[in-house]
Amino acid sequence: MAKLQSPQQKGWRSYVSDEARRFYGLVDTGKVNSAKILARGIAKRRLHHRFTIRDVPKQGWTGIQSTSDAETALAFWEESHSVQRIEVATEIGRPSMRFNSGPKARGWR
């Protein structure tokens, strides 16, 4: 037997789901915007062909202020195989993470 819902309950569910869509849409928009900013920087050769995650916010680009913003943008491009994560072994300490922007990334506009 299906539960009957009052008009208030239906309205509340609609409101909550609309707010959730707006929130997650903003998160995705921020991710896409930071990815576009990174792509322009790579295309203009503002980063070396092999760079660290900490090199990205040092560029001072609006939209990528922290390493967290850089991680978000890099994850976006890693998913499309435009940027590759490389682990570089060091003699002392933990391995260093570097990113390699290949020819595909260098051709972005």
N, C-alpha and C. Protein backbone atom coordinates (compact mmCIF):
# COMPACT_ATOMS: atom_id res chain seq x y z
N MET A 1 0.83 -1.16 0.00
CA MET A 1 0.00 0.00 0.00
C MET A 1 0.89 1.25 0.00
N ALA A 2 0.63 2.15 -0.88
CA ALA A 2 1.42 3.38 -1.00
C ALA A 2 1.06 4.36 0.10
N LYS A 3 2.07 5.05 0.60
CA LYS A 3 1.81 6.07 1.62
C LYS A 3 1.24 7.31 0.97
N LEU A 4 0.27 7.89 1.61
CA LEU A 4 -0.28 9.14 1.12
C LEU A 4 0.55 10.29 1.68
N GLN A 5 0.81 11.27 0.85
CA GLN A 5 1.61 12.41 1.28
C GLN A 5 0.77 13.68 1.22
N SER A 6 1.00 14.51 2.20
CA SER A 6 0.30 15.79 2.20
C SER A 6 0.94 16.71 1.16
N PRO A 7 0.22 17.72 0.72
CA PRO A 7 0.80 18.70 -0.21
C PRO A 7 2.06 19.36 0.36
N GLN A 8 2.12 19.54 1.69
CA GLN A 8 3.30 20.13 2.31
C GLN A 8 4.51 19.21 2.16
N GLN A 9 4.31 17.92 2.36
CA GLN A 9 5.41 16.96 2.22
C GLN A 9 5.92 16.92 0.78
N LYS A 10 5.01 16.93 -0.17
CA LYS A 10 5.41 16.93 -1.59
C LYS A 10 6.17 18.20 -1.93
N GLY A 11 5.69 19.33 -1.42
CA GLY A 11 6.38 20.60 -1.68
C GLY A 11 7.77 20.63 -1.07
N TRP A 12 7.91 20.09 0.14
CA TRP A 12 9.21 20.06 0.81
C TRP A 12 10.19 19.18 0.04
N ARG A 13 9.74 18.02 -0.41
CA ARG A 13 10.62 17.12 -1.17
C ARG A 13 11.08 17.81 -2.46
N SER A 14 10.18 18.48 -3.13
CA SER A 14 10.52 19.20 -4.36
C SER A 14 11.54 20.30 -4.08
N TYR A 15 11.32 21.04 -2.99
CA TYR A 15 12.24 22.12 -2.62
C TYR A 15 13.63 21.57 -2.34
N VAL A 16 13.72 20.51 -1.54
CA VAL A 16 15.01 19.94 -1.16
C VAL A 16 15.73 19.40 -2.40
N SER A 17 15.02 18.73 -3.27
CA SER A 17 15.69 18.17 -4.44
C SER A 17 16.14 19.28 -5.40
N ASP A 18 15.38 20.37 -5.51
CA ASP A 18 15.81 21.51 -6.34
C ASP A 18 17.07 22.14 -5.78
N GLU A 19 17.12 22.31 -4.45
CA GLU A 19 18.30 22.90 -3.81
C GLU A 19 19.53 22.01 -4.00
N ALA A 20 19.34 20.70 -3.89
CA ALA A 20 20.45 19.76 -4.08
C ALA A 20 20.97 19.85 -5.51
N ARG A 21 20.08 19.94 -6.48
CA ARG A 21 20.52 20.07 -7.88
C ARG A 21 21.30 21.35 -8.09
N ARG A 22 20.84 22.46 -7.51
CA ARG A 22 21.55 23.74 -7.63
C ARG A 22 22.94 23.65 -7.00
N PHE A 23 23.01 23.07 -5.81
CA PHE A 23 24.29 22.95 -5.12
C PHE A 23 25.28 22.13 -5.92
N TYR A 24 24.87 20.94 -6.36
CA TYR A 24 25.78 20.09 -7.12
C TYR A 24 26.10 20.68 -8.48
N GLY A 25 25.20 21.45 -9.03
CA GLY A 25 25.48 22.15 -10.28
C GLY A 25 26.58 23.18 -10.10
N LEU A 26 26.56 23.89 -8.97
CA LEU A 26 27.61 24.87 -8.68
C LEU A 26 28.96 24.19 -8.50
N VAL A 27 28.96 23.04 -7.84
CA VAL A 27 30.20 22.30 -7.65
C VAL A 27 30.77 21.91 -9.01
N ASP A 28 29.93 21.38 -9.88
CA ASP A 28 30.39 20.99 -11.22
C ASP A 28 30.84 22.19 -12.02
N THR A 29 30.15 23.32 -11.90
CA THR A 29 30.54 24.52 -12.62
C THR A 29 31.91 24.99 -12.18
N GLY A 30 32.17 24.96 -10.87
CA GLY A 30 33.48 25.35 -10.35
C GLY A 30 34.58 24.44 -10.86
N LYS A 31 34.28 23.16 -10.93
CA LYS A 31 35.25 22.18 -11.43
C LYS A 31 35.57 22.45 -12.90
N VAL A 32 34.55 22.70 -13.68
CA VAL A 32 34.75 22.96 -15.11
C VAL A 32 35.51 24.28 -15.32
N ASN A 33 35.15 25.32 -14.55
CA ASN A 33 35.84 26.60 -14.69
C ASN A 33 37.31 26.50 -14.35
N SER A 34 37.65 25.81 -13.26
CA SER A 34 39.06 25.68 -12.91
C SER A 34 39.79 24.83 -13.95
N ALA A 35 39.12 23.85 -14.52
CA ALA A 35 39.73 23.03 -15.57
C ALA A 35 40.00 23.87 -16.82
N LYS A 36 39.08 24.78 -17.16
CA LYS A 36 39.30 25.66 -18.32
C LYS A 36 40.48 26.60 -18.09
N ILE A 37 40.58 27.13 -16.88
CA ILE A 37 41.68 28.04 -16.55
C ILE A 37 43.01 27.30 -16.67
N LEU A 38 43.07 26.09 -16.15
CA LEU A 38 44.29 25.28 -16.25
C LEU A 38 44.61 24.98 -17.71
N ALA A 39 43.61 24.65 -18.49
CA ALA A 39 43.83 24.34 -19.90
C ALA A 39 44.42 25.53 -20.65
N ARG A 40 43.90 26.73 -20.38
CA ARG A 40 44.45 27.93 -21.04
C ARG A 40 45.90 28.16 -20.64
N GLY A 41 46.19 27.96 -19.37
CA GLY A 41 47.57 28.14 -18.89
C GLY A 41 48.54 27.16 -19.52
N ILE A 42 48.11 25.92 -19.67
CA ILE A 42 48.97 24.91 -20.30
C ILE A 42 49.15 25.23 -21.78
N ALA A 43 48.06 25.62 -22.45
CA ALA A 43 48.14 25.94 -23.88
C ALA A 43 49.06 27.12 -24.14
N LYS A 44 49.07 28.08 -23.22
CA LYS A 44 49.93 29.26 -23.38
C LYS A 44 51.34 29.01 -22.85
N ARG A 45 51.60 27.76 -22.47
CA ARG A 45 52.91 27.32 -21.98
C ARG A 45 53.36 28.10 -20.74
N ARG A 46 52.43 28.38 -19.86
CA ARG A 46 52.75 29.06 -18.60
C ARG A 46 53.29 28.08 -17.57
N LEU A 47 53.08 26.79 -17.82
CA LEU A 47 53.64 25.73 -16.97
C LEU A 47 54.61 24.91 -17.80
N HIS A 48 55.61 24.38 -17.15
CA HIS A 48 56.52 23.48 -17.86
C HIS A 48 55.75 22.24 -18.28
N HIS A 49 56.31 21.52 -19.21
CA HIS A 49 55.66 20.31 -19.72
C HIS A 49 55.48 19.28 -18.60
N ARG A 50 56.35 19.28 -17.60
CA ARG A 50 56.19 18.43 -16.42
C ARG A 50 56.18 19.34 -15.20
N PHE A 51 55.11 19.29 -14.42
CA PHE A 51 54.95 20.22 -13.30
C PHE A 51 54.36 19.52 -12.09
N THR A 52 54.47 20.17 -10.93
CA THR A 52 53.89 19.64 -9.70
C THR A 52 52.55 20.34 -9.45
N ILE A 53 51.79 19.75 -8.57
CA ILE A 53 50.49 20.33 -8.24
C ILE A 53 50.66 21.70 -7.59
N ARG A 54 51.76 21.90 -6.87
CA ARG A 54 51.98 23.18 -6.20
C ARG A 54 52.39 24.27 -7.18
N ASP A 55 52.84 23.90 -8.37
CA ASP A 55 53.19 24.90 -9.38
C ASP A 55 51.95 25.63 -9.91
N VAL A 56 50.80 24.97 -9.88
CA VAL A 56 49.60 25.53 -10.49
C VAL A 56 49.09 26.77 -9.75
N PRO A 57 48.84 26.71 -8.42
CA PRO A 57 48.36 27.94 -7.75
C PRO A 57 49.39 29.06 -7.70
N LYS A 58 50.67 28.71 -7.84
CA LYS A 58 51.72 29.74 -7.85
C LYS A 58 51.61 30.67 -9.05
N GLN A 59 50.87 30.25 -10.08
CA GLN A 59 50.71 31.06 -11.27
C GLN A 59 49.82 32.27 -11.03
N GLY A 60 49.00 32.22 -9.96
CA GLY A 60 48.14 33.34 -9.62
C GLY A 60 46.91 33.48 -10.50
N TRP A 61 46.47 32.40 -11.11
CA TRP A 61 45.30 32.45 -11.97
C TRP A 61 44.03 32.56 -11.13
N THR A 62 43.14 33.44 -11.53
CA THR A 62 41.85 33.57 -10.85
C THR A 62 41.09 32.27 -11.02
N GLY A 63 40.59 31.73 -9.93
CA GLY A 63 39.86 30.48 -9.99
C GLY A 63 40.65 29.29 -9.51
N ILE A 64 41.97 29.42 -9.45
CA ILE A 64 42.82 28.35 -8.91
C ILE A 64 43.73 29.00 -7.87
N GLN A 65 43.21 29.10 -6.65
CA GLN A 65 43.93 29.79 -5.57
C GLN A 65 44.69 28.85 -4.65
N SER A 66 44.31 27.57 -4.63
CA SER A 66 44.91 26.63 -3.69
C SER A 66 45.27 25.33 -4.39
N THR A 67 46.01 24.48 -3.67
CA THR A 67 46.32 23.17 -4.24
C THR A 67 45.06 22.33 -4.38
N SER A 68 44.07 22.59 -3.55
CA SER A 68 42.79 21.87 -3.65
C SER A 68 42.10 22.21 -4.98
N ASP A 69 42.11 23.50 -5.35
CA ASP A 69 41.54 23.92 -6.65
C ASP A 69 42.32 23.27 -7.79
N ALA A 70 43.64 23.22 -7.64
CA ALA A 70 44.49 22.61 -8.68
C ALA A 70 44.20 21.12 -8.80
N GLU A 71 44.02 20.44 -7.67
CA GLU A 71 43.70 19.01 -7.70
C GLU A 71 42.39 18.76 -8.44
N THR A 72 41.41 19.61 -8.20
CA THR A 72 40.11 19.48 -8.86
C THR A 72 40.26 19.62 -10.37
N ALA A 73 41.00 20.64 -10.80
CA ALA A 73 41.20 20.86 -12.24
C ALA A 73 42.00 19.73 -12.87
N LEU A 74 43.04 19.29 -12.18
CA LEU A 74 43.87 18.21 -12.72
C LEU A 74 43.10 16.90 -12.80
N ALA A 75 42.25 16.63 -11.81
CA ALA A 75 41.44 15.40 -11.85
C ALA A 75 40.53 15.40 -13.07
N PHE A 76 39.99 16.58 -13.40
CA PHE A 76 39.13 16.70 -14.57
C PHE A 76 39.88 16.29 -15.84
N TRP A 77 41.12 16.79 -15.99
CA TRP A 77 41.89 16.49 -17.20
C TRP A 77 42.51 15.10 -17.17
N GLU A 78 42.76 14.57 -15.98
CA GLU A 78 43.25 13.19 -15.89
C GLU A 78 42.19 12.22 -16.39
N GLU A 79 40.94 12.49 -16.07
CA GLU A 79 39.84 11.63 -16.51
C GLU A 79 39.76 11.55 -18.04
N SER A 80 40.13 12.63 -18.70
CA SER A 80 40.08 12.65 -20.17
C SER A 80 41.42 12.27 -20.79
N HIS A 81 42.38 11.87 -19.97
CA HIS A 81 43.71 11.45 -20.40
C HIS A 81 44.49 12.55 -21.11
N SER A 82 44.22 13.80 -20.75
CA SER A 82 44.94 14.93 -21.33
C SER A 82 46.16 15.29 -20.49
N VAL A 83 46.10 14.96 -19.22
CA VAL A 83 47.21 15.19 -18.29
C VAL A 83 47.45 13.86 -17.59
N GLN A 84 48.72 13.54 -17.43
CA GLN A 84 49.08 12.25 -16.83
C GLN A 84 49.83 12.47 -15.52
N ARG A 85 49.42 11.75 -14.48
CA ARG A 85 50.09 11.80 -13.18
C ARG A 85 51.27 10.83 -13.21
N ILE A 86 52.44 11.32 -12.77
CA ILE A 86 53.65 10.51 -12.77
C ILE A 86 54.25 10.55 -11.37
N GLU A 87 54.60 9.40 -10.85
CA GLU A 87 55.24 9.32 -9.55
C GLU A 87 56.75 9.24 -9.78
N VAL A 88 57.49 10.22 -9.27
CA VAL A 88 58.93 10.28 -9.45
C VAL A 88 59.60 9.85 -8.14
N ALA A 89 60.39 8.79 -8.21
CA ALA A 89 61.08 8.28 -7.02
C ALA A 89 62.23 9.21 -6.64
N THR A 90 62.39 9.40 -5.34
CA THR A 90 63.51 10.19 -4.83
C THR A 90 64.34 9.30 -3.92
N GLU A 91 65.58 9.68 -3.70
CA GLU A 91 66.45 8.88 -2.84
C GLU A 91 66.02 8.93 -1.39
N ILE A 92 65.54 10.09 -0.97
CA ILE A 92 65.13 10.27 0.42
C ILE A 92 63.67 10.70 0.45
N GLY A 93 62.90 10.15 1.37
CA GLY A 93 61.51 10.57 1.54
C GLY A 93 60.56 9.89 0.58
N ARG A 94 59.37 10.42 0.56
CA ARG A 94 58.33 9.82 -0.28
C ARG A 94 58.48 10.28 -1.73
N PRO A 95 57.90 9.51 -2.66
CA PRO A 95 57.98 9.88 -4.07
C PRO A 95 57.27 11.21 -4.34
N SER A 96 57.73 11.91 -5.34
CA SER A 96 57.15 13.18 -5.74
C SER A 96 56.13 12.94 -6.84
N MET A 97 54.99 13.63 -6.74
CA MET A 97 53.96 13.52 -7.77
C MET A 97 54.15 14.66 -8.77
N ARG A 98 54.25 14.32 -10.02
CA ARG A 98 54.36 15.30 -11.09
C ARG A 98 53.26 15.03 -12.10
N PHE A 99 52.99 16.04 -12.89
CA PHE A 99 51.98 15.90 -13.94
C PHE A 99 52.64 16.21 -15.27
N ASN A 100 52.31 15.43 -16.26
CA ASN A 100 52.86 15.58 -17.59
C ASN A 100 51.73 16.03 -18.52
N SER A 101 51.92 17.19 -19.13
CA SER A 101 50.93 17.64 -20.11
C SER A 101 51.46 17.30 -21.50
N GLY A 102 50.80 16.40 -22.14
CA GLY A 102 51.24 15.93 -23.45
C GLY A 102 50.84 16.88 -24.59
N PRO A 103 51.10 16.45 -25.81
CA PRO A 103 50.79 17.26 -27.00
C PRO A 103 49.32 17.63 -27.10
N LYS A 104 48.43 16.74 -26.65
CA LYS A 104 47.01 17.02 -26.70
C LYS A 104 46.69 18.25 -25.85
N ALA A 105 47.29 18.30 -24.66
CA ALA A 105 47.06 19.43 -23.76
C ALA A 105 47.70 20.71 -24.29
N ARG A 106 48.82 20.61 -24.93
CA ARG A 106 49.52 21.79 -25.45
C ARG A 106 48.76 22.45 -26.59
N GLY A 107 47.86 21.71 -27.23
CA GLY A 107 47.10 22.26 -28.35
C GLY A 107 45.78 22.90 -27.95
N TRP A 108 45.46 22.95 -26.65
CA TRP A 108 44.20 23.55 -26.20
C TRP A 108 44.16 25.02 -26.52
N ARG A 109 43.00 25.52 -26.76
CA ARG A 109 42.81 26.97 -26.99
C ARG A 109 41.66 27.46 -26.19
